Protein backbone atom coordinates (compact mmCIF):
# COMPACT_ATOMS: atom_id res chain seq x y z
CA MET A 1 51.95 137.06 -173.81
CA PRO A 2 50.23 134.50 -176.08
CA ARG A 3 52.43 131.97 -177.80
CA HIS A 4 52.74 132.06 -181.55
CA PRO A 5 51.85 128.77 -183.32
CA ALA A 6 55.38 128.66 -184.73
CA ASP A 7 56.87 128.48 -181.20
CA ALA A 8 56.18 124.74 -180.95
CA VAL A 9 57.72 124.15 -184.37
CA PHE A 10 60.90 126.05 -183.52
CA GLY A 11 61.10 124.31 -180.14
CA ALA A 12 60.79 120.89 -181.74
CA LEU A 13 63.32 121.70 -184.47
CA ALA A 14 65.87 123.06 -181.99
CA ASP A 15 67.08 119.52 -181.35
CA PRO A 16 69.39 118.03 -184.02
CA THR A 17 68.09 114.49 -183.44
CA ARG A 18 64.54 115.66 -184.10
CA ARG A 19 65.62 117.38 -187.29
CA GLN A 20 67.33 114.16 -188.37
CA LEU A 21 64.20 112.14 -187.61
CA LEU A 22 61.99 114.61 -189.47
CA SER A 23 64.27 114.44 -192.51
CA ALA A 24 64.22 110.64 -192.49
CA ILE A 25 60.43 110.52 -192.18
CA ALA A 26 60.05 113.12 -194.94
CA GLU A 27 61.85 110.71 -197.28
CA GLU A 28 59.71 107.74 -196.24
CA PRO A 29 57.17 107.15 -193.45
CA ALA A 30 58.67 104.90 -190.79
CA THR A 31 58.11 103.24 -187.42
CA ALA A 32 60.02 104.14 -184.27
CA THR A 33 61.83 100.80 -184.46
CA GLU A 34 62.94 101.42 -188.05
CA LEU A 35 64.17 104.90 -187.13
CA ALA A 36 66.00 103.68 -184.01
CA SER A 37 67.89 101.10 -186.05
CA GLU A 38 69.54 103.95 -187.95
CA LEU A 39 70.50 106.03 -184.89
CA PRO A 40 72.86 105.58 -181.94
CA ILE A 41 69.99 106.09 -179.47
CA SER A 42 67.40 103.76 -177.99
CA ARG A 43 63.94 103.15 -179.38
CA GLN A 44 62.51 104.78 -176.24
CA ALA A 45 64.52 107.94 -176.94
CA VAL A 46 63.28 107.94 -180.53
CA VAL A 47 59.68 107.63 -179.30
CA LYS A 48 60.20 110.65 -177.01
CA HIS A 49 61.54 112.70 -179.91
CA LEU A 50 58.69 111.59 -182.14
CA GLY A 51 56.27 112.66 -179.42
CA ALA A 52 57.76 116.16 -179.36
CA LEU A 53 57.53 116.40 -183.15
CA SER A 54 53.94 115.15 -183.02
CA GLU A 55 52.99 117.67 -180.32
CA ALA A 56 54.35 120.44 -182.56
CA GLY A 57 52.07 119.15 -185.32
CA LEU A 58 54.98 118.12 -187.54
CA LEU A 59 54.14 114.41 -187.56
CA ALA A 60 51.01 112.32 -187.76
CA ARG A 61 50.70 108.70 -186.68
CA GLU A 62 48.99 105.96 -188.62
CA ARG A 63 48.39 102.48 -187.29
CA VAL A 64 49.18 99.79 -189.84
CA GLY A 65 48.47 96.41 -188.24
CA ARG A 66 50.61 96.26 -185.10
CA ASP A 67 52.91 99.06 -186.25
CA VAL A 68 52.57 102.80 -185.86
CA ARG A 69 54.00 104.62 -188.86
CA TYR A 70 54.89 108.29 -188.70
CA HIS A 71 54.59 110.69 -191.61
CA VAL A 72 55.28 114.41 -191.97
CA THR A 73 52.49 116.98 -191.80
CA PRO A 74 53.95 120.08 -193.49
CA ALA A 75 51.36 122.72 -192.54
CA PRO A 76 53.11 123.82 -189.29
CA LEU A 77 56.36 124.25 -191.23
CA SER A 78 54.55 126.52 -193.69
CA ASP A 79 53.23 128.59 -190.78
CA ALA A 80 56.76 128.96 -189.38
CA VAL A 81 58.16 129.94 -192.79
CA SER A 82 55.40 132.53 -193.19
CA TRP A 83 56.26 133.99 -189.79
CA MET A 84 59.96 134.17 -190.72
CA ALA A 85 59.12 135.88 -194.02
CA GLU A 86 56.97 138.43 -192.18
CA VAL A 87 59.71 139.20 -189.66
CA GLY A 88 62.29 139.34 -192.46
CA GLY A 89 60.14 141.84 -194.34
CA GLN A 90 59.91 144.03 -191.23
CA TRP A 91 63.69 144.02 -190.91
CA ASP A 92 64.07 144.89 -194.60
CA GLU A 93 61.81 147.92 -194.05
CA ARG A 94 63.77 148.99 -190.96
CA LEU A 95 67.13 148.64 -192.70
CA ALA A 96 65.86 150.58 -195.72
CA ALA A 97 64.66 153.39 -193.40
CA LEU A 98 68.04 153.42 -191.66
CA ALA A 99 69.85 153.57 -195.01
CA ARG A 100 67.67 156.53 -196.08
CA ARG A 101 68.37 158.33 -192.81
CA LEU A 102 72.12 157.78 -193.10
CA ALA A 103 72.27 158.88 -196.75
């Protein structure tokens, strides 16, 4: 069965540390070192989490001198929200049909 593009987004967002990192970067682009200074995990762990978010398409990297700054790329989130709205609409239709049948 082919994977839906939102699968990578949901997989990346399943981890609370990744959600925390994404929220921090959404407020202001940052380096792995800057992000690690705010968390009780190592810089290497932060880099691994940033890699997972990048692979899901949620982050982009930009080299600024010696630093690599991360910033949010919102398009994959929009795709995931669209998928959730579609599934929610299907459930609304099913529940409405059930309500009609029970009435």
